[in-house]
Amino acid sequence: MTVNKKKFTLLVLSFLTVCFLLVKPVLAIKEIEDYLFQLEKYREEYQDFSQARDKYLKYKTLKSKNQAVEKTNNLLVRRGRTLRAYFLALIWKLRSTPGIGGEDYRQRLVSLLDKEVNWLANQNEQLKNLPHPALEDLFVISDRFEDKETFFQQLSYRALVIILTGKVRHLHSESVAITNLLADQISQVPEATKAGELRNWLRELENKNYLAQKEIEIAESQQEELTKKKEPQLSKIYFQIKLNLERSKEYLNQASLFEKEILDLLKK
């Protein structure tokens, strides 16, 4: 059987873009440990695969072909495990992150990720049940991953964005709650000069909360684009959303300083 050399050379490289997909936002959870373990094993097995592939393409011996089949199979299994672990980490984070708005949207993403977790497990089971696979058999299964690559990337970005937005929204809601409490206390200050100074600080605080809210709204307005685009547009949208959320956090950090100034004045 003639091997598609181009396909064999490019096999599974595209998955690396998913593998490294901006996992930092979920590094704080225990579930990520399995993903990092699987990712490290994937890297190791990719090296083994590359060596076996190159040997087979060069020598075309039966021994080199058998080794290429074995290493390709191992890599495909590990790819499924790695992506599955990544999706499971995202599911955990989606379920546990406070501040995520729209329970229906959260559940829809969780359901989509759950479905793909099951699909990945099924693909690995099919690989396991191939008694004596040929390279072309493995290419067929690999093609199924490649066909889903854009969808996997979109789903990953959408989950990451809603997690990041939820975190910032939670910080914003806490800041607004503190602002309301401080406003009540300021309204009870009898001394006119002190009350006026406090109201000035309160206006600054409210303005920072407002600016933070506007950045969140801008970030949320871009989320729908993550369902329509492919790379490299996906990463550009993601980084723009992340920039908006970082600006929002900066405004909230400034708001926190104003809250401290108000508290210090109230104590005097």
C-alpha atoms as a PDB file:
ATOM      1  CA  MET A   1       0.000   0.000   0.000  1.00  0.00           C
ATOM      2  CA  THR A   2       1.353   3.449  -0.920  1.00  0.00           C
ATOM      3  CA  VAL A   3       1.566   5.777   2.039  1.00  0.00           C
ATOM      4  CA  ASN A   4       0.473   9.369   1.619  1.00  0.00           C
ATOM      5  CA  LYS A   5       3.855  10.892   2.442  1.00  0.00           C
ATOM      6  CA  LYS A   6       2.592  14.421   2.878  1.00  0.00           C
ATOM      7  CA  LYS A   7      -0.155  13.311   5.247  1.00  0.00           C
ATOM      8  CA  PHE A   8       2.221  11.090   7.201  1.00  0.00           C
ATOM      9  CA  THR A   9       4.691  13.951   7.553  1.00  0.00           C
ATOM     10  CA  LEU A  10       2.050  16.365   8.834  1.00  0.00           C
ATOM     11  CA  LEU A  11       0.145  13.845  10.922  1.00  0.00           C
ATOM     12  CA  VAL A  12      -1.052  15.219  14.283  1.00  0.00           C
ATOM     13  CA  LEU A  13       1.188  18.294  14.212  1.00  0.00           C
ATOM     14  CA  SER A  14      -1.919  20.481  14.112  1.00  0.00           C
ATOM     15  CA  PHE A  15      -3.028  19.094  17.458  1.00  0.00           C
ATOM     16  CA  LEU A  16      -0.131  20.883  19.131  1.00  0.00           C
ATOM     17  CA  THR A  17      -2.026  24.146  18.648  1.00  0.00           C
ATOM     18  CA  VAL A  18      -4.832  22.712  20.755  1.00  0.00           C
ATOM     19  CA  CYS A  19      -2.462  21.118  23.232  1.00  0.00           C
ATOM     20  CA  PHE A  20      -0.802  24.398  24.114  1.00  0.00           C
ATOM     21  CA  LEU A  21      -4.045  26.356  24.012  1.00  0.00           C
ATOM     22  CA  LEU A  22      -3.626  28.991  26.691  1.00  0.00           C
ATOM     23  CA  VAL A  23      -4.063  26.679  29.619  1.00  0.00           C
ATOM     24  CA  LYS A  24      -2.762  29.165  32.223  1.00  0.00           C
ATOM     25  CA  PRO A  25      -6.245  30.354  33.270  1.00  0.00           C
ATOM     26  CA  VAL A  26      -6.981  26.868  34.651  1.00  0.00           C
ATOM     27  CA  LEU A  27      -3.595  25.992  36.132  1.00  0.00           C
ATOM     28  CA  ALA A  28      -4.828  26.516  39.672  1.00  0.00           C
ATOM     29  CA  ILE A  29      -7.037  23.436  39.771  1.00  0.00           C
ATOM     30  CA  LYS A  30      -6.090  19.925  40.692  1.00  0.00           C
ATOM     31  CA  GLU A  31      -7.658  18.495  37.536  1.00  0.00           C
ATOM     32  CA  ILE A  32      -5.011  20.223  35.437  1.00  0.00           C
ATOM     33  CA  GLU A  33      -2.340  17.902  36.819  1.00  0.00           C
ATOM     34  CA  ASP A  34      -3.619  15.046  34.653  1.00  0.00           C
ATOM     35  CA  TYR A  35      -3.619  17.316  31.601  1.00  0.00           C
ATOM     36  CA  LEU A  36      -0.017  18.380  32.229  1.00  0.00           C
ATOM     37  CA  PHE A  37       1.010  14.765  32.736  1.00  0.00           C
ATOM     38  CA  GLN A  38      -0.699  13.704  29.509  1.00  0.00           C
ATOM     39  CA  LEU A  39       0.822  16.657  27.657  1.00  0.00           C
ATOM     40  CA  GLU A  40       4.331  15.732  28.765  1.00  0.00           C
ATOM     41  CA  LYS A  41       3.776  12.137  27.687  1.00  0.00           C
ATOM     42  CA  TYR A  42       2.408  13.400  24.380  1.00  0.00           C
ATOM     43  CA  ARG A  43       5.602  15.348  23.762  1.00  0.00           C
ATOM     44  CA  GLU A  44       7.698  12.269  24.505  1.00  0.00           C
ATOM     45  CA  GLU A  45       5.629  10.043  22.252  1.00  0.00           C
ATOM     46  CA  TYR A  46       5.653  12.658  19.515  1.00  0.00           C
ATOM     47  CA  GLN A  47       9.445  12.442  19.467  1.00  0.00           C
ATOM     48  CA  ASP A  48       9.242   8.641  19.219  1.00  0.00           C
ATOM     49  CA  PHE A  49       6.672   8.951  16.439  1.00  0.00           C
ATOM     50  CA  SER A  50       8.803  11.461  14.506  1.00  0.00           C
ATOM     51  CA  GLN A  51      11.841   9.185  14.602  1.00  0.00           C
ATOM     52  CA  ALA A  52       9.849   6.117  13.536  1.00  0.00           C
ATOM     53  CA  ARG A  53       8.095   8.063  10.775  1.00  0.00           C
ATOM     54  CA  ASP A  54      11.363   9.430   9.386  1.00  0.00           C
ATOM     55  CA  LYS A  55      12.972   5.994   9.454  1.00  0.00           C
ATOM     56  CA  TYR A  56      10.086   4.424   7.587  1.00  0.00           C
ATOM     57  CA  LEU A  57       9.952   7.168   4.961  1.00  0.00           C
ATOM     58  CA  LYS A  58      13.690   6.749   4.405  1.00  0.00           C
ATOM     59  CA  TYR A  59      14.152   2.955   4.465  1.00  0.00           C
ATOM     60  CA  LYS A  60      10.673   1.538   3.668  1.00  0.00           C
ATOM     61  CA  THR A  61      11.520  -1.764   5.394  1.00  0.00           C
ATOM     62  CA  LEU A  62       8.925  -4.010   7.004  1.00  0.00           C
ATOM     63  CA  LYS A  63      10.537  -3.487  10.410  1.00  0.00           C
ATOM     64  CA  SER A  64      10.495   0.290  10.079  1.00  0.00           C
ATOM     65  CA  LYS A  65       6.883   0.134   8.901  1.00  0.00           C
ATOM     66  CA  ASN A  66       5.813  -1.904  11.926  1.00  0.00           C
ATOM     67  CA  GLN A  67       7.555   0.538  14.226  1.00  0.00           C
ATOM     68  CA  ALA A  68       5.895   3.453  12.465  1.00  0.00           C
ATOM     69  CA  VAL A  69       2.486   1.838  12.899  1.00  0.00           C
ATOM     70  CA  GLU A  70       3.139   1.201  16.595  1.00  0.00           C
ATOM     71  CA  LYS A  71       4.370   4.737  17.315  1.00  0.00           C
ATOM     72  CA  THR A  72       1.577   6.325  15.291  1.00  0.00           C
ATOM     73  CA  ASN A  73      -1.020   4.306  17.179  1.00  0.00           C
ATOM     74  CA  ASN A  74       0.548   5.243  20.523  1.00  0.00           C
ATOM     75  CA  LEU A  75       0.578   8.910  19.600  1.00  0.00           C
ATOM     76  CA  LEU A  76      -3.057   8.927  18.521  1.00  0.00           C
ATOM     77  CA  VAL A  77      -4.075   7.274  21.786  1.00  0.00           C
ATOM     78  CA  ARG A  78      -2.093   9.850  23.767  1.00  0.00           C
ATOM     79  CA  ARG A  79      -3.553  12.687  21.721  1.00  0.00           C
ATOM     80  CA  GLY A  80      -7.054  11.564  22.658  1.00  0.00           C
ATOM     81  CA  ARG A  81      -6.110  11.277  26.332  1.00  0.00           C
ATOM     82  CA  THR A  82      -4.451  14.693  26.391  1.00  0.00           C
ATOM     83  CA  LEU A  83      -7.331  16.532  24.773  1.00  0.00           C
ATOM     84  CA  ARG A  84      -9.815  14.653  26.946  1.00  0.00           C
ATOM     85  CA  ALA A  85      -7.920  15.701  30.097  1.00  0.00           C
ATOM     86  CA  TYR A  86      -7.887  19.290  28.890  1.00  0.00           C
ATOM     87  CA  PHE A  87     -11.634  19.309  28.280  1.00  0.00           C
ATOM     88  CA  LEU A  88     -12.280  17.760  31.692  1.00  0.00           C
ATOM     89  CA  ALA A  89     -10.238  20.543  33.298  1.00  0.00           C
ATOM     90  CA  LEU A  90     -12.300  23.141  31.451  1.00  0.00           C
ATOM     91  CA  ILE A  91     -15.537  21.471  32.560  1.00  0.00           C
ATOM     92  CA  TRP A  92     -14.414  21.550  36.198  1.00  0.00           C
ATOM     93  CA  LYS A  93     -13.446  25.201  35.930  1.00  0.00           C
ATOM     94  CA  LEU A  94     -16.695  26.154  34.208  1.00  0.00           C
ATOM     95  CA  ARG A  95     -18.678  24.515  36.984  1.00  0.00           C
ATOM     96  CA  SER A  96     -16.656  26.030  39.834  1.00  0.00           C
ATOM     97  CA  THR A  97     -15.892  29.595  38.694  1.00  0.00           C
ATOM     98  CA  PRO A  98     -18.093  32.215  40.363  1.00  0.00           C
ATOM     99  CA  GLY A  99     -19.457  35.154  38.401  1.00  0.00           C
ATOM    100  CA  ILE A 100     -20.233  33.306  35.169  1.00  0.00           C
ATOM    101  CA  GLY A 101     -23.350  34.951  33.796  1.00  0.00           C
ATOM    102  CA  GLY A 102     -26.048  33.000  32.042  1.00  0.00           C
ATOM    103  CA  GLU A 103     -26.494  29.559  33.542  1.00  0.00           C
ATOM    104  CA  ASP A 104     -27.927  28.256  30.271  1.00  0.00           C
ATOM    105  CA  TYR A 105     -24.798  29.276  28.377  1.00  0.00           C
ATOM    106  CA  ARG A 106     -22.556  27.708  31.008  1.00  0.00           C
ATOM    107  CA  GLN A 107     -24.509  24.448  30.865  1.00  0.00           C
ATOM    108  CA  ARG A 108     -24.495  24.466  27.078  1.00  0.00           C
ATOM    109  CA  LEU A 109     -20.712  24.699  27.027  1.00  0.00           C
ATOM    110  CA  VAL A 110     -20.388  21.996  29.678  1.00  0.00           C
ATOM    111  CA  SER A 111     -22.692  19.743  27.643  1.00  0.00           C
ATOM    112  CA  LEU A 112     -20.666  20.333  24.461  1.00  0.00           C
ATOM    113  CA  LEU A 113     -17.424  19.541  26.277  1.00  0.00           C
ATOM    114  CA  ASP A 114     -18.972  16.451  27.876  1.00  0.00           C
ATOM    115  CA  LYS A 115     -20.047  15.234  24.447  1.00  0.00           C
ATOM    116  CA  GLU A 116     -16.521  15.643  23.074  1.00  0.00           C
ATOM    117  CA  VAL A 117     -15.000  13.923  26.117  1.00  0.00           C
ATOM    118  CA  ASN A 118     -17.177  10.901  25.336  1.00  0.00           C
ATOM    119  CA  TRP A 119     -16.305  11.110  21.640  1.00  0.00           C
ATOM    120  CA  LEU A 120     -12.586  11.112  22.427  1.00  0.00           C
ATOM    121  CA  ALA A 121     -12.985   8.113  24.718  1.00  0.00           C
ATOM    122  CA  ASN A 122     -14.839   6.301  21.926  1.00  0.00           C
ATOM    123  CA  GLN A 123     -12.087   7.044  19.395  1.00  0.00           C
ATOM    124  CA  ASN A 124      -9.455   5.673  21.749  1.00  0.00           C
ATOM    125  CA  GLU A 125     -11.555   2.573  22.284  1.00  0.00           C
ATOM    126  CA  GLN A 126     -11.676   2.053  18.527  1.00  0.00           C
ATOM    127  CA  LEU A 127      -7.893   2.367  18.361  1.00  0.00           C
ATOM    128  CA  LYS A 128      -7.564  -0.158  21.141  1.00  0.00           C
ATOM    129  CA  ASN A 129      -9.790  -2.609  19.268  1.00  0.00           C
ATOM    130  CA  LEU A 130      -7.776  -2.496  16.044  1.00  0.00           C
ATOM    131  CA  PRO A 131      -5.887  -5.841  16.164  1.00  0.00           C
ATOM    132  CA  HIS A 132      -3.385  -5.230  13.357  1.00  0.00           C
ATOM    133  CA  PRO A 133      -3.893  -1.703  12.054  1.00  0.00           C
ATOM    134  CA  ALA A 134      -2.309  -0.394   8.886  1.00  0.00           C
ATOM    135  CA  LEU A 135      -1.098   3.176   8.629  1.00  0.00           C
ATOM    136  CA  GLU A 136      -4.075   4.044   6.440  1.00  0.00           C
ATOM    137  CA  ASP A 137      -6.419   2.729   9.175  1.00  0.00           C
ATOM    138  CA  LEU A 138      -4.757   5.095  11.622  1.00  0.00           C
ATOM    139  CA  PHE A 139      -4.975   7.953   9.142  1.00  0.00           C
ATOM    140  CA  VAL A 140      -8.748   7.440   8.988  1.00  0.00           C
ATOM    141  CA  ILE A 141      -9.047   7.890  12.753  1.00  0.00           C
ATOM    142  CA  SER A 142      -6.617  10.805  12.715  1.00  0.00           C
ATOM    143  CA  ASP A 143      -8.701  12.490  10.007  1.00  0.00           C
ATOM    144  CA  ARG A 144     -11.642  12.508  12.390  1.00  0.00           C
ATOM    145  CA  PHE A 145      -9.596  14.609  14.799  1.00  0.00           C
ATOM    146  CA  GLU A 146      -8.446  16.934  12.037  1.00  0.00           C
ATOM    147  CA  ASP A 147     -12.056  17.419  10.891  1.00  0.00           C
ATOM    148  CA  LYS A 148     -12.940  18.561  14.406  1.00  0.00           C
ATOM    149  CA  GLU A 149      -9.884  20.728  14.989  1.00  0.00           C
ATOM    150  CA  THR A 150     -11.535  24.099  14.339  1.00  0.00           C
ATOM    151  CA  PHE A 151     -14.531  23.151  16.463  1.00  0.00           C
ATOM    152  CA  PHE A 152     -12.221  21.990  19.278  1.00  0.00           C
ATOM    153  CA  GLN A 153     -10.353  25.294  19.151  1.00  0.00           C
ATOM    154  CA  GLN A 154     -13.559  27.344  19.121  1.00  0.00           C
ATOM    155  CA  LEU A 155     -14.935  25.363  22.044  1.00  0.00           C
ATOM    156  CA  SER A 156     -11.710  25.776  24.021  1.00  0.00           C
ATOM    157  CA  TYR A 157     -11.545  29.520  23.446  1.00  0.00           C
ATOM    158  CA  ARG A 158     -15.212  29.941  24.353  1.00  0.00           C
ATOM    159  CA  ALA A 159     -14.739  28.052  27.608  1.00  0.00           C
ATOM    160  CA  LEU A 160     -11.580  29.958  28.514  1.00  0.00           C
ATOM    161  CA  VAL A 161     -13.240  33.296  27.781  1.00  0.00           C
ATOM    162  CA  ILE A 162     -16.300  32.596  29.873  1.00  0.00           C
ATOM    163  CA  ILE A 163     -14.066  31.449  32.752  1.00  0.00           C
ATOM    164  CA  LEU A 164     -11.937  34.596  32.573  1.00  0.00           C
ATOM    165  CA  THR A 165     -15.001  36.830  32.238  1.00  0.00           C
ATOM    166  CA  GLY A 166     -16.665  35.118  35.180  1.00  0.00           C
ATOM    167  CA  LYS A 167     -13.675  35.810  37.399  1.00  0.00           C
ATOM    168  CA  VAL A 168     -13.637  39.506  36.513  1.00  0.00           C
ATOM    169  CA  ARG A 169     -17.426  39.812  36.817  1.00  0.00           C
ATOM    170  CA  HIS A 170     -17.175  38.332  40.314  1.00  0.00           C
ATOM    171  CA  LEU A 171     -14.538  40.901  41.293  1.00  0.00           C
ATOM    172  CA  HIS A 172     -16.719  43.658  39.868  1.00  0.00           C
ATOM    173  CA  SER A 173     -19.807  42.545  41.779  1.00  0.00           C
ATOM    174  CA  GLU A 174     -17.783  42.484  45.004  1.00  0.00           C
ATOM    175  CA  SER A 175     -16.498  45.998  44.323  1.00  0.00           C
ATOM    176  CA  VAL A 176     -20.016  47.292  43.643  1.00  0.00           C
ATOM    177  CA  ALA A 177     -21.297  45.677  46.860  1.00  0.00           C
ATOM    178  CA  ILE A 178     -18.530  47.361  48.878  1.00  0.00           C
ATOM    179  CA  THR A 179     -19.252  50.669  47.133  1.00  0.00           C
ATOM    180  CA  ASN A 180     -22.911  50.463  48.139  1.00  0.00           C
ATOM    181  CA  LEU A 181     -21.987  49.765  51.754  1.00  0.00           C
ATOM    182  CA  LEU A 182     -19.582  52.690  51.806  1.00  0.00           C
ATOM    183  CA  ALA A 183     -22.214  54.963  50.240  1.00  0.00           C
ATOM    184  CA  ASP A 184     -24.602  54.112  53.100  1.00  0.00           C
ATOM    185  CA  GLN A 185     -21.934  54.962  55.679  1.00  0.00           C
ATOM    186  CA  ILE A 186     -21.006  58.208  53.945  1.00  0.00           C
ATOM    187  CA  SER A 187     -24.652  59.304  53.929  1.00  0.00           C
ATOM    188  CA  GLN A 188     -24.593  59.146  57.719  1.00  0.00           C
ATOM    189  CA  VAL A 189     -21.508  61.355  58.214  1.00  0.00           C
ATOM    190  CA  PRO A 190     -22.689  64.555  59.970  1.00  0.00           C
ATOM    191  CA  GLU A 191     -19.666  66.803  59.328  1.00  0.00           C
ATOM    192  CA  ALA A 192     -20.150  68.636  56.021  1.00  0.00           C
ATOM    193  CA  THR A 193     -16.455  69.015  55.085  1.00  0.00           C
ATOM    194  CA  LYS A 194     -15.647  65.390  55.788  1.00  0.00           C
ATOM    195  CA  ALA A 195     -18.821  64.201  54.041  1.00  0.00           C
ATOM    196  CA  GLY A 196     -17.930  66.275  50.959  1.00  0.00           C
ATOM    197  CA  GLU A 197     -14.437  64.789  50.804  1.00  0.00           C
ATOM    198  CA  LEU A 198     -15.879  61.300  51.169  1.00  0.00           C
ATOM    199  CA  ARG A 199     -18.405  61.892  48.390  1.00  0.00           C
ATOM    200  CA  ASN A 200     -15.578  62.960  46.077  1.00  0.00           C
ATOM    201  CA  TRP A 201     -13.778  59.685  46.765  1.00  0.00           C
ATOM    202  CA  LEU A 202     -17.069  57.826  46.294  1.00  0.00           C
ATOM    203  CA  ARG A 203     -17.579  59.393  42.863  1.00  0.00           C
ATOM    204  CA  GLU A 204     -14.080  58.306  41.857  1.00  0.00           C
ATOM    205  CA  LEU A 205     -14.823  54.811  43.117  1.00  0.00           C
ATOM    206  CA  GLU A 206     -18.125  54.613  41.256  1.00  0.00           C
ATOM    207  CA  ASN A 207     -16.419  55.819  38.072  1.00  0.00           C
ATOM    208  CA  LYS A 208     -13.818  53.041  38.294  1.00  0.00           C
ATOM    209  CA  ASN A 209     -16.585  50.478  38.766  1.00  0.00           C
ATOM    210  CA  TYR A 210     -18.371  51.924  35.736  1.00  0.00           C
ATOM    211  CA  LEU A 211     -15.250  51.792  33.560  1.00  0.00           C
ATOM    212  CA  ALA A 212     -14.601  48.232  34.682  1.00  0.00           C
ATOM    213  CA  GLN A 213     -18.167  47.277  33.757  1.00  0.00           C
ATOM    214  CA  LYS A 214     -17.808  48.827  30.285  1.00  0.00           C
ATOM    215  CA  GLU A 215     -14.660  46.768  29.585  1.00  0.00           C
ATOM    216  CA  ILE A 216     -16.502  43.611  30.643  1.00  0.00           C
ATOM    217  CA  GLU A 217     -19.379  44.475  28.313  1.00  0.00           C
ATOM    218  CA  ILE A 218     -16.962  45.050  25.412  1.00  0.00           C
ATOM    219  CA  ALA A 219     -15.339  41.679  26.111  1.00  0.00           C
ATOM    220  CA  GLU A 220     -18.707  39.938  26.209  1.00  0.00           C
ATOM    221  CA  SER A 221     -19.809  41.565  22.954  1.00  0.00           C
ATOM    222  CA  GLN A 222     -16.934  39.839  21.147  1.00  0.00           C
ATOM    223  CA  GLN A 223     -17.602  36.333  22.446  1.00  0.00           C
ATOM    224  CA  GLU A 224     -20.014  35.380  19.676  1.00  0.00           C
ATOM    225  CA  GLU A 225     -17.201  35.804  17.136  1.00  0.00           C
ATOM    226  CA  LEU A 226     -15.461  32.790  18.693  1.00  0.00           C
ATOM    227  CA  THR A 227     -18.141  30.549  17.172  1.00  0.00           C
ATOM    228  CA  LYS A 228     -17.560  31.854  13.636  1.00  0.00           C
ATOM    229  CA  LYS A 229     -13.820  32.217  13.099  1.00  0.00           C
ATOM    230  CA  LYS A 230     -10.800  30.002  12.529  1.00  0.00           C
ATOM    231  CA  GLU A 231      -7.184  30.428  13.508  1.00  0.00           C
ATOM    232  CA  PRO A 232      -5.411  32.827  13.492  1.00  0.00           C
ATOM    233  CA  GLN A 233      -8.498  35.019  13.913  1.00  0.00           C
ATOM    234  CA  LEU A 234      -9.562  33.019  16.971  1.00  0.00           C
ATOM    235  CA  SER A 235      -6.409  33.809  18.906  1.00  0.00           C
ATOM    236  CA  LYS A 236      -6.619  37.496  17.919  1.00  0.00           C
ATOM    237  CA  ILE A 237     -10.170  37.731  19.261  1.00  0.00           C
ATOM    238  CA  TYR A 238      -9.179  35.863  22.402  1.00  0.00           C
ATOM    239  CA  PHE A 239      -6.269  38.195  23.146  1.00  0.00           C
ATOM    240  CA  GLN A 240      -8.423  41.263  22.532  1.00  0.00           C
ATOM    241  CA  ILE A 241     -11.032  39.942  24.960  1.00  0.00           C
ATOM    242  CA  LYS A 242      -8.282  39.169  27.456  1.00  0.00           C
ATOM    243  CA  LEU A 243      -6.940  42.714  27.070  1.00  0.00           C
ATOM    244  CA  ASN A 244     -10.389  44.169  27.820  1.00  0.00           C
ATOM    245  CA  LEU A 245     -10.686  41.996  30.901  1.00  0.00           C
ATOM    246  CA  GLU A 246      -7.208  43.009  32.083  1.00  0.00           C
ATOM    247  CA  ARG A 247      -8.207  46.652  31.726  1.00  0.00           C
ATOM    248  CA  SER A 248     -11.322  45.921  33.757  1.00  0.00           C
ATOM    249  CA  LYS A 249      -9.204  44.335  36.481  1.00  0.00           C
ATOM    250  CA  GLU A 250      -6.913  47.365  36.509  1.00  0.00           C
ATOM    251  CA  TYR A 251      -9.900  49.655  37.048  1.00  0.00           C
ATOM    252  CA  LEU A 252     -11.041  47.375  39.867  1.00  0.00           C
ATOM    253  CA  ASN A 253      -7.576  47.512  41.428  1.00  0.00           C
ATOM    254  CA  GLN A 254      -7.808  51.301  41.365  1.00  0.00           C
ATOM    255  CA  ALA A 255     -11.290  51.059  42.869  1.00  0.00           C
ATOM    256  CA  SER A 256      -9.848  48.971  45.685  1.00  0.00           C
ATOM    257  CA  LEU A 257      -7.373  51.762  46.494  1.00  0.00           C
ATOM    258  CA  PHE A 258     -10.212  54.288  46.607  1.00  0.00           C
ATOM    259  CA  GLU A 259     -12.169  51.995  48.919  1.00  0.00           C
ATOM    260  CA  LYS A 260      -9.190  52.007  51.277  1.00  0.00           C
ATOM    261  CA  GLU A 261      -8.992  55.815  51.193  1.00  0.00           C
ATOM    262  CA  ILE A 262     -12.681  56.045  52.073  1.00  0.00           C
ATOM    263  CA  LEU A 263     -12.335  53.560  54.922  1.00  0.00           C
ATOM    264  CA  ASP A 264      -9.354  55.482  56.304  1.00  0.00           C
ATOM    265  CA  LEU A 265     -11.326  58.734  56.209  1.00  0.00           C
ATOM    266  CA  LEU A 266     -14.349  57.119  57.860  1.00  0.00           C
ATOM    267  CA  LYS A 267     -12.159  55.968  60.745  1.00  0.00           C
ATOM    268  CA  LYS A 268     -10.891  59.497  61.460  1.00  0.00           C
END
